[in-house]
Each structure stands twice: as structure tokens, then as C-alpha cells.
PDB file of all heavy atoms in Angstrom:
ATOM      1  N   ASN A   1     -59.547 -16.972  16.100  1.00  0.00           N
ATOM      2  CA  ASN A   1     -58.135 -17.539  16.506  1.00  0.00           C
ATOM      3  C   ASN A   1     -57.886 -18.650  15.552  1.00  0.00           C
ATOM      4  O   ASN A   1     -58.689 -19.132  14.832  1.00  0.00           O
ATOM      5  CB  ASN A   1     -58.270 -18.096  17.983  1.00  0.00           C
ATOM      6  CG  ASN A   1     -57.052 -17.795  18.666  1.00  0.00           C
ATOM      7  OD1 ASN A   1     -55.873 -17.862  18.139  1.00  0.00           O
ATOM      8  ND2 ASN A   1     -57.177 -17.403  20.033  1.00  0.00           N
ATOM      9  N   ILE A   2     -56.580 -18.945  15.639  1.00  0.00           N
ATOM     10  CA  ILE A   2     -56.069 -20.062  14.738  1.00  0.00           C
ATOM     11  C   ILE A   2     -55.345 -21.143  15.651  1.00  0.00           C
ATOM     12  O   ILE A   2     -54.500 -20.623  16.554  1.00  0.00           O
ATOM     13  CB  ILE A   2     -55.061 -19.606  13.692  1.00  0.00           C
ATOM     14  CG1 ILE A   2     -55.799 -18.617  12.682  1.00  0.00           C
ATOM     15  CG2 ILE A   2     -54.524 -20.757  12.966  1.00  0.00           C
ATOM     16  CD1 ILE A   2     -54.911 -17.960  11.708  1.00  0.00           C
ATOM     17  N   ARG A   3     -55.626 -22.360  15.551  1.00  0.00           N
ATOM     18  CA  ARG A   3     -55.102 -23.403  16.376  1.00  0.00           C
ATOM     19  C   ARG A   3     -54.253 -24.396  15.546  1.00  0.00           C
ATOM     20  O   ARG A   3     -54.634 -24.749  14.552  1.00  0.00           O
ATOM     21  CB  ARG A   3     -56.092 -24.205  17.032  1.00  0.00           C
ATOM     22  CG  ARG A   3     -57.031 -23.399  18.112  1.00  0.00           C
ATOM     23  CD  ARG A   3     -58.192 -24.264  18.602  1.00  0.00           C
ATOM     24  NE  ARG A   3     -59.209 -24.463  17.591  1.00  0.00           N
ATOM     25  CZ  ARG A   3     -59.523 -25.604  16.935  1.00  0.00           C
ATOM     26  NH1 ARG A   3     -58.894 -26.661  17.326  1.00  0.00           N
ATOM     27  NH2 ARG A   3     -60.471 -25.586  16.033  1.00  0.00           N
ATOM     28  N   ILE A   4     -53.123 -24.745  16.128  1.00  0.00           N
ATOM     29  CA  ILE A   4     -52.306 -25.798  15.586  1.00  0.00           C
ATOM     30  C   ILE A   4     -52.176 -26.830  16.658  1.00  0.00           C
ATOM     31  O   ILE A   4     -51.939 -26.563  17.784  1.00  0.00           O
ATOM     32  CB  ILE A   4     -50.856 -25.307  15.253  1.00  0.00           C
ATOM     33  CG1 ILE A   4     -50.962 -24.144  14.224  1.00  0.00           C
ATOM     34  CG2 ILE A   4     -49.976 -26.457  14.748  1.00  0.00           C
ATOM     35  CD1 ILE A   4     -49.588 -23.449  13.902  1.00  0.00           C
ATOM     36  N   TYR A   5     -52.508 -28.167  16.323  1.00  0.00           N
ATOM     37  CA  TYR A   5     -52.467 -29.118  17.308  1.00  0.00           C
ATOM     38  C   TYR A   5     -51.846 -30.497  16.798  1.00  0.00           C
ATOM     39  O   TYR A   5     -51.755 -30.759  15.538  1.00  0.00           O
ATOM     40  CB  TYR A   5     -53.902 -29.429  17.778  1.00  0.00           C
ATOM     41  CG  TYR A   5     -54.837 -29.782  16.607  1.00  0.00           C
ATOM     42  CD1 TYR A   5     -55.053 -31.179  16.344  1.00  0.00           C
ATOM     43  CD2 TYR A   5     -55.682 -28.885  15.999  1.00  0.00           C
ATOM     44  CE1 TYR A   5     -55.899 -31.588  15.280  1.00  0.00           C
ATOM     45  CE2 TYR A   5     -56.526 -29.300  15.044  1.00  0.00           C
ATOM     46  CZ  TYR A   5     -56.677 -30.648  14.617  1.00  0.00           C
ATOM     47  OH  TYR A   5     -57.515 -30.971  13.706  1.00  0.00           O
ATOM     48  N   GLY A   6     -51.623 -31.307  17.750  1.00  0.00           N
ATOM     49  CA  GLY A   6     -51.162 -32.749  17.437  1.00  0.00           C
ATOM     50  C   GLY A   6     -51.617 -33.578  18.613  1.00  0.00           C
ATOM     51  O   GLY A   6     -51.992 -33.159  19.713  1.00  0.00           O
ATOM     52  N   GLY A   7     -51.629 -34.974  18.383  1.00  0.00           N
ATOM     53  CA  GLY A   7     -52.093 -35.829  19.424  1.00  0.00           C
ATOM     54  C   GLY A   7     -52.159 -37.203  19.033  1.00  0.00           C
ATOM     55  O   GLY A   7     -51.551 -37.584  18.014  1.00  0.00           O
ATOM     56  N   VAL A   8     -52.968 -38.005  19.774  1.00  0.00           N
ATOM     57  CA  VAL A   8     -53.232 -39.346  19.470  1.00  0.00           C
ATOM     58  C   VAL A   8     -54.663 -39.711  19.541  1.00  0.00           C
ATOM     59  O   VAL A   8     -55.402 -39.078  20.211  1.00  0.00           O
ATOM     60  CB  VAL A   8     -52.419 -40.357  20.347  1.00  0.00           C
ATOM     61  CG1 VAL A   8     -50.886 -40.225  20.247  1.00  0.00           C
ATOM     62  CG2 VAL A   8     -52.862 -40.091  21.810  1.00  0.00           C
ATOM     63  N   ASP A   9     -54.966 -40.727  18.785  1.00  0.00           N
ATOM     64  CA  ASP A   9     -56.427 -41.138  18.742  1.00  0.00           C
ATOM     65  C   ASP A   9     -56.537 -42.641  18.801  1.00  0.00           C
ATOM     66  O   ASP A   9     -55.815 -43.327  17.887  1.00  0.00           O
ATOM     67  CB  ASP A   9     -57.165 -40.629  17.473  1.00  0.00           C
ATOM     68  CG  ASP A   9     -58.614 -40.567  17.546  1.00  0.00           C
ATOM     69  OD1 ASP A   9     -59.162 -41.162  18.554  1.00  0.00           O
ATOM     70  OD2 ASP A   9     -59.276 -40.025  16.736  1.00  0.00           O
ATOM     71  N   GLY A  10     -57.242 -43.148  19.662  1.00  0.00           N
ATOM     72  CA  GLY A  10     -57.292 -44.679  19.833  1.00  0.00           C
ATOM     73  C   GLY A  10     -58.722 -45.137  19.476  1.00  0.00           C
ATOM     74  O   GLY A  10     -59.699 -44.669  19.989  1.00  0.00           O
ATOM     75  N   HIS A  11     -58.828 -45.974  18.420  1.00  0.00           N
ATOM     76  CA  HIS A  11     -60.142 -46.399  17.909  1.00  0.00           C
ATOM     77  C   HIS A  11     -60.458 -47.873  18.258  1.00  0.00           C
ATOM     78  O   HIS A  11     -59.575 -48.663  18.376  1.00  0.00           O
ATOM     79  CB  HIS A  11     -60.026 -46.326  16.333  1.00  0.00           C
ATOM     80  CG  HIS A  11     -59.690 -44.960  15.798  1.00  0.00           C
ATOM     81  ND1 HIS A  11     -60.586 -43.957  15.473  1.00  0.00           N
ATOM     82  CD2 HIS A  11     -58.481 -44.498  15.410  1.00  0.00           C
ATOM     83  CE1 HIS A  11     -59.953 -43.044  14.949  1.00  0.00           C
ATOM     84  NE2 HIS A  11     -58.641 -43.254  14.960  1.00  0.00           N
ATOM     85  N   HIS A  12     -61.744 -48.082  18.418  1.00  0.00           N
ATOM     86  CA  HIS A  12     -62.250 -49.414  18.742  1.00  0.00           C
ATOM     87  C   HIS A  12     -63.333 -49.646  17.786  1.00  0.00           C
ATOM     88  O   HIS A  12     -64.384 -48.957  17.724  1.00  0.00           O
ATOM     89  CB  HIS A  12     -62.698 -49.571  20.185  1.00  0.00           C
ATOM     90  CG  HIS A  12     -63.252 -50.930  20.469  1.00  0.00           C
ATOM     91  ND1 HIS A  12     -62.567 -52.030  20.468  1.00  0.00           N
ATOM     92  CD2 HIS A  12     -64.599 -51.294  20.700  1.00  0.00           C
ATOM     93  CE1 HIS A  12     -63.330 -53.097  20.779  1.00  0.00           C
ATOM     94  NE2 HIS A  12     -64.585 -52.652  20.907  1.00  0.00           N
ATOM     95  N   VAL A  13     -63.320 -50.802  17.036  1.00  0.00           N
ATOM     96  CA  VAL A  13     -64.227 -51.081  15.971  1.00  0.00           C
ATOM     97  C   VAL A  13     -65.514 -51.735  16.703  1.00  0.00           C
ATOM     98  O   VAL A  13     -65.324 -52.749  17.410  1.00  0.00           O
ATOM     99  CB  VAL A  13     -63.613 -52.107  14.981  1.00  0.00           C
ATOM    100  CG1 VAL A  13     -64.786 -52.521  13.940  1.00  0.00           C
ATOM    101  CG2 VAL A  13     -62.543 -51.453  14.146  1.00  0.00           C
ATOM    102  N   THR A  14     -66.680 -51.120  16.515  1.00  0.00           N
ATOM    103  CA  THR A  14     -67.828 -51.646  17.081  1.00  0.00           C
ATOM    104  C   THR A  14     -68.761 -52.332  16.076  1.00  0.00           C
ATOM    105  O   THR A  14     -69.716 -52.955  16.428  1.00  0.00           O
ATOM    106  CB  THR A  14     -68.615 -50.409  17.718  1.00  0.00           C
ATOM    107  OG1 THR A  14     -68.926 -49.531  16.746  1.00  0.00           O
ATOM    108  CG2 THR A  14     -67.862 -49.700  18.875  1.00  0.00           C
ATOM    109  N   GLY A  15     -68.592 -52.154  14.830  1.00  0.00           N
ATOM    110  CA  GLY A  15     -69.448 -52.699  13.891  1.00  0.00           C
ATOM    111  C   GLY A  15     -68.856 -52.811  12.481  1.00  0.00           C
ATOM    112  O   GLY A  15     -68.032 -51.899  12.111  1.00  0.00           O
ATOM    113  N   VAL A  16     -69.235 -53.691  11.672  1.00  0.00           N
ATOM    114  CA  VAL A  16     -68.792 -53.892  10.305  1.00  0.00           C
ATOM    115  C   VAL A  16     -69.889 -54.149   9.339  1.00  0.00           C
ATOM    116  O   VAL A  16     -70.854 -54.926   9.521  1.00  0.00           O
ATOM    117  CB  VAL A  16     -67.745 -55.107  10.165  1.00  0.00           C
ATOM    118  CG1 VAL A  16     -67.278 -55.238   8.695  1.00  0.00           C
ATOM    119  CG2 VAL A  16     -66.585 -54.929  11.053  1.00  0.00           C
ATOM    120  N   ASN A  17     -69.932 -53.348   8.272  1.00  0.00           N
ATOM    121  CA  ASN A  17     -70.942 -53.607   7.207  1.00  0.00           C
ATOM    122  C   ASN A  17     -70.196 -53.997   5.968  1.00  0.00           C
ATOM    123  O   ASN A  17     -69.382 -53.262   5.307  1.00  0.00           O
ATOM    124  CB  ASN A  17     -71.623 -52.234   6.925  1.00  0.00           C
ATOM    125  CG  ASN A  17     -72.832 -52.469   5.831  1.00  0.00           C
ATOM    126  OD1 ASN A  17     -73.045 -53.565   5.379  1.00  0.00           O
ATOM    127  ND2 ASN A  17     -73.357 -51.331   5.363  1.00  0.00           N
ATOM    128  N   HIS A  18     -70.414 -55.269   5.582  1.00  0.00           N
ATOM    129  CA  HIS A  18     -69.556 -55.833   4.497  1.00  0.00           C
ATOM    130  C   HIS A  18     -70.491 -56.173   3.326  1.00  0.00           C
ATOM    131  O   HIS A  18     -71.354 -57.066   3.485  1.00  0.00           O
ATOM    132  CB  HIS A  18     -68.804 -57.120   4.986  1.00  0.00           C
ATOM    133  CG  HIS A  18     -68.019 -57.795   3.953  1.00  0.00           C
ATOM    134  ND1 HIS A  18     -67.777 -59.161   3.960  1.00  0.00           N
ATOM    135  CD2 HIS A  18     -67.378 -57.406   2.731  1.00  0.00           C
ATOM    136  CE1 HIS A  18     -67.068 -59.552   3.010  1.00  0.00           C
ATOM    137  NE2 HIS A  18     -66.823 -58.511   2.225  1.00  0.00           N
ATOM    138  N   LYS A  19     -70.190 -55.524   2.172  1.00  0.00           N
ATOM    139  CA  LYS A  19     -70.928 -55.966   0.931  1.00  0.00           C
ATOM    140  C   LYS A  19     -69.820 -56.461  -0.098  1.00  0.00           C
ATOM    141  O   LYS A  19     -68.828 -55.701  -0.294  1.00  0.00           O
ATOM    142  CB  LYS A  19     -71.548 -54.718   0.361  1.00  0.00           C
ATOM    143  CG  LYS A  19     -72.598 -54.071   1.158  1.00  0.00           C
ATOM    144  CD  LYS A  19     -73.172 -52.855   0.588  1.00  0.00           C
ATOM    145  CE  LYS A  19     -74.239 -52.275   1.507  1.00  0.00           C
ATOM    146  NZ  LYS A  19     -74.825 -50.999   0.974  1.00  0.00           N
ATOM    147  N   GLU A  20     -70.094 -57.681  -0.605  1.00  0.00           N
ATOM    148  CA  GLU A  20     -69.104 -58.287  -1.404  1.00  0.00           C
ATOM    149  C   GLU A  20     -69.671 -59.136  -2.616  1.00  0.00           C
ATOM    150  O   GLU A  20     -70.777 -59.530  -2.515  1.00  0.00           O
ATOM    151  CB  GLU A  20     -68.044 -59.202  -0.634  1.00  0.00           C
ATOM    152  CG  GLU A  20     -68.899 -60.214   0.208  1.00  0.00           C
ATOM    153  CD  GLU A  20     -69.222 -61.467  -0.396  1.00  0.00           C
ATOM    154  OE1 GLU A  20     -68.531 -61.746  -1.402  1.00  0.00           O
ATOM    155  OE2 GLU A  20     -70.071 -62.076   0.064  1.00  0.00           O
ATOM    156  N   ASN A  21     -68.850 -59.185  -3.616  1.00  0.00           N
ATOM    157  CA  ASN A  21     -69.114 -60.159  -4.749  1.00  0.00           C
ATOM    158  C   ASN A  21     -68.015 -61.080  -4.962  1.00  0.00           C
ATOM    159  O   ASN A  21     -67.828 -61.701  -5.967  1.00  0.00           O
ATOM    160  CB  ASN A  21     -69.571 -59.500  -5.908  1.00  0.00           C
ATOM    161  CG  ASN A  21     -68.354 -58.835  -6.727  1.00  0.00           C
ATOM    162  OD1 ASN A  21     -67.421 -58.710  -6.099  1.00  0.00           O
ATOM    163  ND2 ASN A  21     -68.691 -58.320  -7.892  1.00  0.00           N
ATOM    164  N   ASN A  22     -67.037 -61.173  -3.885  1.00  0.00           N
ATOM    165  CA  ASN A  22     -65.930 -62.065  -3.865  1.00  0.00           C
ATOM    166  C   ASN A  22     -66.159 -63.245  -3.080  1.00  0.00           C
ATOM    167  O   ASN A  22     -66.058 -63.201  -1.826  1.00  0.00           O
ATOM    168  CB  ASN A  22     -64.686 -61.300  -3.420  1.00  0.00           C
ATOM    169  CG  ASN A  22     -63.368 -62.198  -3.477  1.00  0.00           C
ATOM    170  OD1 ASN A  22     -63.444 -63.349  -3.826  1.00  0.00           O
ATOM    171  ND2 ASN A  22     -62.285 -61.486  -2.999  1.00  0.00           N
ATOM    172  N   PRO A  23     -66.467 -64.479  -3.601  1.00  0.00           N
ATOM    173  CA  PRO A  23     -66.778 -65.544  -2.801  1.00  0.00           C
ATOM    174  C   PRO A  23     -65.631 -66.122  -1.922  1.00  0.00           C
ATOM    175  O   PRO A  23     -65.935 -66.852  -1.016  1.00  0.00           O
ATOM    176  CB  PRO A  23     -67.231 -66.606  -3.860  1.00  0.00           C
ATOM    177  CG  PRO A  23     -66.572 -66.234  -5.075  1.00  0.00           C
ATOM    178  CD  PRO A  23     -66.442 -64.625  -5.030  1.00  0.00           C
ATOM    179  N   MET A  24     -64.439 -65.668  -2.197  1.00  0.00           N
ATOM    180  CA  MET A  24     -63.332 -66.073  -1.452  1.00  0.00           C
ATOM    181  C   MET A  24     -63.100 -65.371  -0.130  1.00  0.00           C
ATOM    182  O   MET A  24     -62.347 -65.828   0.782  1.00  0.00           O
ATOM    183  CB  MET A  24     -62.081 -66.071  -2.331  1.00  0.00           C
ATOM    184  CG  MET A  24     -62.142 -66.819  -3.662  1.00  0.00           C
ATOM    185  SD  MET A  24     -62.376 -68.686  -3.405  1.00  0.00           S
ATOM    186  CE  MET A  24     -60.879 -69.075  -2.536  1.00  0.00           C
ATOM    187  N   THR A  25     -63.771 -64.199  -0.003  1.00  0.00           N
ATOM    188  CA  THR A  25     -63.540 -63.350   1.124  1.00  0.00           C
ATOM    189  C   THR A  25     -64.125 -63.962   2.482  1.00  0.00           C
ATOM    190  O   THR A  25     -63.561 -64.023   3.546  1.00  0.00           O
ATOM    191  CB  THR A  25     -63.958 -61.939   0.920  1.00  0.00           C
ATOM    192  OG1 THR A  25     -63.393 -61.431  -0.238  1.00  0.00           O
ATOM    193  CG2 THR A  25     -63.819 -61.151   2.125  1.00  0.00           C
ATOM    194  N   GLY A  26     -65.337 -64.383   2.339  1.00  0.00           N
ATOM    195  CA  GLY A  26     -66.154 -64.842   3.503  1.00  0.00           C
ATOM    196  C   GLY A  26     -66.538 -63.682   4.306  1.00  0.00           C
ATOM    197  O   GLY A  26     -66.315 -62.471   3.998  1.00  0.00           O
ATOM    198  N   ASP A  27     -67.200 -63.986   5.487  1.00  0.00           N
ATOM    199  CA  ASP A  27     -67.729 -62.864   6.310  1.00  0.00           C
ATOM    200  C   ASP A  27     -66.602 -62.140   6.937  1.00  0.00           C
ATOM    201  O   ASP A  27     -65.596 -62.770   7.413  1.00  0.00           O
ATOM    202  CB  ASP A  27     -68.598 -63.531   7.340  1.00  0.00           C
ATOM    203  CG  ASP A  27     -69.945 -64.037   6.798  1.00  0.00           C
ATOM    204  OD1 ASP A  27     -70.353 -63.539   5.751  1.00  0.00           O
ATOM    205  OD2 ASP A  27     -70.566 -64.846   7.444  1.00  0.00           O
ATOM    206  N   ILE A  28     -66.756 -60.873   7.120  1.00  0.00           N
ATOM    207  CA  ILE A  28     -65.867 -59.993   7.829  1.00  0.00           C
ATOM    208  C   ILE A  28     -66.597 -59.303   8.939  1.00  0.00           C
ATOM    209  O   ILE A  28     -67.732 -58.844   8.891  1.00  0.00           O
ATOM    210  CB  ILE A  28     -65.231 -58.906   7.015  1.00  0.00           C
ATOM    211  CG1 ILE A  28     -64.518 -59.443   5.746  1.00  0.00           C
ATOM    212  CG2 ILE A  28     -64.370 -57.970   7.798  1.00  0.00           C
ATOM    213  CD1 ILE A  28     -63.976 -58.375   4.774  1.00  0.00           C
ATOM    214  N   ASP A  29     -65.989 -59.501  10.245  1.00  0.00           N
ATOM    215  CA  ASP A  29     -66.658 -58.917  11.458  1.00  0.00           C
ATOM    216  C   ASP A  29     -65.623 -58.236  12.269  1.00  0.00           C
ATOM    217  O   ASP A  29     -64.451 -58.119  11.953  1.00  0.00           O
ATOM    218  CB  ASP A  29     -67.556 -60.031  12.131  1.00  0.00           C
ATOM    219  CG  ASP A  29     -66.633 -61.250  12.620  1.00  0.00           C
ATOM    220  OD1 ASP A  29     -65.421 -60.946  12.807  1.00  0.00           O
ATOM    221  OD2 ASP A  29     -67.101 -62.325  12.687  1.00  0.00           O
ATOM    222  N   VAL A  30     -66.074 -57.850  13.542  1.00  0.00           N
ATOM    223  CA  VAL A  30     -65.252 -57.002  14.407  1.00  0.00           C
ATOM    224  C   VAL A  30     -63.993 -57.814  14.885  1.00  0.00           C
ATOM    225  O   VAL A  30     -63.037 -57.239  15.145  1.00  0.00           O
ATOM    226  CB  VAL A  30     -66.036 -56.555  15.585  1.00  0.00           C
ATOM    227  CG1 VAL A  30     -66.953 -55.499  15.058  1.00  0.00           C
ATOM    228  CG2 VAL A  30     -66.689 -57.574  16.326  1.00  0.00           C
ATOM    229  N   ASP A  31     -64.106 -59.105  14.933  1.00  0.00           N
ATOM    230  CA  ASP A  31     -62.974 -59.979  15.341  1.00  0.00           C
ATOM    231  C   ASP A  31     -61.811 -59.931  14.374  1.00  0.00           C
ATOM    232  O   ASP A  31     -60.738 -60.389  14.646  1.00  0.00           O
ATOM    233  CB  ASP A  31     -63.456 -61.413  15.570  1.00  0.00           C
ATOM    234  CG  ASP A  31     -64.482 -61.502  16.718  1.00  0.00           C
ATOM    235  OD1 ASP A  31     -64.373 -60.729  17.602  1.00  0.00           O
ATOM    236  OD2 ASP A  31     -65.311 -62.466  16.716  1.00  0.00           O
ATOM    237  N   ASP A  32     -62.090 -59.472  13.173  1.00  0.00           N
ATOM    238  CA  ASP A  32     -61.004 -59.438  12.150  1.00  0.00           C
ATOM    239  C   ASP A  32     -60.105 -58.292  12.313  1.00  0.00           C
ATOM    240  O   ASP A  32     -59.150 -58.015  11.626  1.00  0.00           O
ATOM    241  CB  ASP A  32     -61.602 -59.438  10.700  1.00  0.00           C
ATOM    242  CG  ASP A  32     -62.288 -60.716  10.348  1.00  0.00           C
ATOM    243  OD1 ASP A  32     -61.532 -61.829  10.454  1.00  0.00           O
ATOM    244  OD2 ASP A  32     -63.492 -60.761  10.034  1.00  0.00           O
ATOM    245  N   TYR A  33     -60.519 -57.337  13.291  1.00  0.00           N
ATOM    246  CA  TYR A  33     -59.766 -56.079  13.490  1.00  0.00           C
ATOM    247  C   TYR A  33     -59.116 -56.021  14.916  1.00  0.00           C
ATOM    248  O   TYR A  33     -59.688 -56.662  15.754  1.00  0.00           O
ATOM    249  CB  TYR A  33     -60.738 -54.924  13.255  1.00  0.00           C
ATOM    250  CG  TYR A  33     -61.228 -54.892  11.812  1.00  0.00           C
ATOM    251  CD1 TYR A  33     -62.354 -55.433  11.509  1.00  0.00           C
ATOM    252  CD2 TYR A  33     -60.584 -54.100  10.881  1.00  0.00           C
ATOM    253  CE1 TYR A  33     -62.876 -55.415  10.174  1.00  0.00           C
ATOM    254  CE2 TYR A  33     -61.017 -53.921   9.590  1.00  0.00           C
ATOM    255  CZ  TYR A  33     -62.216 -54.763   9.275  1.00  0.00           C
ATOM    256  OH  TYR A  33     -62.652 -54.643   7.974  1.00  0.00           O
ATOM    257  N   ASN A  34     -58.056 -55.349  14.978  1.00  0.00           N
ATOM    258  CA  ASN A  34     -57.471 -55.157  16.357  1.00  0.00           C
ATOM    259  C   ASN A  34     -58.343 -54.529  17.287  1.00  0.00           C
ATOM    260  O   ASN A  34     -59.161 -53.609  16.940  1.00  0.00           O
ATOM    261  CB  ASN A  34     -56.103 -54.350  16.209  1.00  0.00           C
ATOM    262  CG  ASN A  34     -54.961 -55.245  15.797  1.00  0.00           C
ATOM    263  OD1 ASN A  34     -54.885 -56.343  16.220  1.00  0.00           O
ATOM    264  ND2 ASN A  34     -54.007 -54.697  15.037  1.00  0.00           N
ATOM    265  N   ASN A  35     -58.190 -54.782  18.569  1.00  0.00           N
ATOM    266  CA  ASN A  35     -59.045 -54.164  19.613  1.00  0.00           C
ATOM    267  C   ASN A  35     -58.847 -52.816  19.732  1.00  0.00           C
ATOM    268  O   ASN A  35     -59.752 -52.037  20.103  1.00  0.00           O
ATOM    269  CB  ASN A  35     -58.793 -54.962  20.872  1.00  0.00           C
ATOM    270  CG  ASN A  35     -59.831 -54.545  21.932  1.00  0.00           C
ATOM    271  OD1 ASN A  35     -61.009 -54.591  21.761  1.00  0.00           O
ATOM    272  ND2 ASN A  35     -59.383 -54.221  23.119  1.00  0.00           N
ATOM    273  N   LEU A  36     -57.555 -52.233  19.581  1.00  0.00           N
ATOM    274  CA  LEU A  36     -57.206 -50.921  19.615  1.00  0.00           C
ATOM    275  C   LEU A  36     -56.389 -50.441  18.355  1.00  0.00           C
ATOM    276  O   LEU A  36     -55.350 -51.003  18.243  1.00  0.00           O
ATOM    277  CB  LEU A  36     -56.444 -50.694  20.917  1.00  0.00           C
ATOM    278  CG  LEU A  36     -55.987 -49.229  21.105  1.00  0.00           C
ATOM    279  CD1 LEU A  36     -57.302 -48.268  21.282  1.00  0.00           C
ATOM    280  CD2 LEU A  36     -55.212 -49.070  22.382  1.00  0.00           C
ATOM    281  N   ILE A  37     -56.840 -49.523  17.597  1.00  0.00           N
ATOM    282  CA  ILE A  37     -56.147 -49.033  16.411  1.00  0.00           C
ATOM    283  C   ILE A  37     -55.723 -47.653  16.748  1.00  0.00           C
ATOM    284  O   ILE A  37     -56.556 -46.739  17.015  1.00  0.00           O
ATOM    285  CB  ILE A  37     -57.073 -49.097  15.213  1.00  0.00           C
ATOM    286  CG1 ILE A  37     -57.610 -50.494  15.013  1.00  0.00           C
ATOM    287  CG2 ILE A  37     -56.300 -48.625  14.029  1.00  0.00           C
ATOM    288  CD1 ILE A  37     -58.696 -50.668  13.921  1.00  0.00           C
ATOM    289  N   VAL A  38     -54.425 -47.407  16.820  1.00  0.00           N
ATOM    290  CA  VAL A  38     -53.930 -46.088  17.367  1.00  0.00           C
ATOM    291  C   VAL A  38     -53.409 -45.322  16.073  1.00  0.00           C
ATOM    292  O   VAL A  38     -52.703 -45.784  15.136  1.00  0.00           O
ATOM    293  CB  VAL A  38     -52.746 -46.306  18.236  1.00  0.00           C
ATOM    294  CG1 VAL A  38     -52.224 -44.963  18.791  1.00  0.00           C
ATOM    295  CG2 VAL A  38     -53.260 -47.140  19.476  1.00  0.00           C
ATOM    296  N   ASN A  39     -53.677 -44.019  15.989  1.00  0.00           N
ATOM    297  CA  ASN A  39     -53.306 -43.100  15.039  1.00  0.00           C
ATOM    298  C   ASN A  39     -52.640 -41.848  15.703  1.00  0.00           C
ATOM    299  O   ASN A  39     -53.148 -41.450  16.672  1.00  0.00           O
ATOM    300  CB  ASN A  39     -54.384 -42.593  14.120  1.00  0.00           C
ATOM    301  CG  ASN A  39     -54.905 -43.748  13.209  1.00  0.00           C
ATOM    302  OD1 ASN A  39     -55.398 -44.776  13.641  1.00  0.00           O
ATOM    303  ND2 ASN A  39     -54.797 -43.616  11.869  1.00  0.00           N
ATOM    304  N   ALA A  40     -51.687 -41.326  15.085  1.00  0.00           N
ATOM    305  CA  ALA A  40     -51.210 -39.980  15.445  1.00  0.00           C
ATOM    306  C   ALA A  40     -52.164 -38.923  14.674  1.00  0.00           C
ATOM    307  O   ALA A  40     -52.583 -39.124  13.558  1.00  0.00           O
ATOM    308  CB  ALA A  40     -49.697 -39.755  15.004  1.00  0.00           C
ATOM    309  N   ASP A  41     -52.356 -37.756  15.222  1.00  0.00           N
ATOM    310  CA  ASP A  41     -53.313 -36.753  14.767  1.00  0.00           C
ATOM    311  C   ASP A  41     -52.688 -35.448  14.608  1.00  0.00           C
ATOM    312  O   ASP A  41     -52.062 -35.005  15.687  1.00  0.00           O
ATOM    313  CB  ASP A  41     -54.517 -36.787  15.617  1.00  0.00           C
ATOM    314  CG  ASP A  41     -55.537 -35.880  15.147  1.00  0.00           C
ATOM    315  OD1 ASP A  41     -55.551 -35.436  14.043  1.00  0.00           O
ATOM    316  OD2 ASP A  41     -56.592 -35.694  15.943  1.00  0.00           O
ATOM    317  N   PHE A  42     -52.693 -34.766  13.424  1.00  0.00           N
ATOM    318  CA  PHE A  42     -52.130 -33.469  13.310  1.00  0.00           C
ATOM    319  C   PHE A  42     -53.108 -32.657  12.565  1.00  0.00           C
ATOM    320  O   PHE A  42     -53.766 -33.138  11.639  1.00  0.00           O
ATOM    321  CB  PHE A  42     -50.816 -33.537  12.482  1.00  0.00           C
ATOM    322  CG  PHE A  42     -49.845 -34.538  12.994  1.00  0.00           C
ATOM    323  CD1 PHE A  42     -49.688 -35.814  12.471  1.00  0.00           C
ATOM    324  CD2 PHE A  42     -48.922 -34.226  14.020  1.00  0.00           C
ATOM    325  CE1 PHE A  42     -48.844 -36.735  12.869  1.00  0.00           C
ATOM    326  CE2 PHE A  42     -48.096 -35.137  14.424  1.00  0.00           C
ATOM    327  CZ  PHE A  42     -48.061 -36.452  13.912  1.00  0.00           C
TER     328      PHE A  42
END
């Protein structure tokens, strides 16, 4: 069979792995991201 679909996807950030050589950035953690990130899906 062949399927065609669309929908929505709600993401929640649970962890951040940050590797940097930019001293101006500082630490990046889950609090820097929205609690719910929504995308349309096709």
C-alpha cells in the first residue's frame, strides 16, 4: 500500500548536549527552549 498523511507533532526538550569553543555563549540547557515546540507534519 501507499499512504499519504499530514498532522501535527508536539515536542518537549528533555536534554541538551552542548559542545562549544565560543566563550560568549555560556551554558545552554533545557530552560533555553520552549516547553512545547509544535511542527506540522507531511
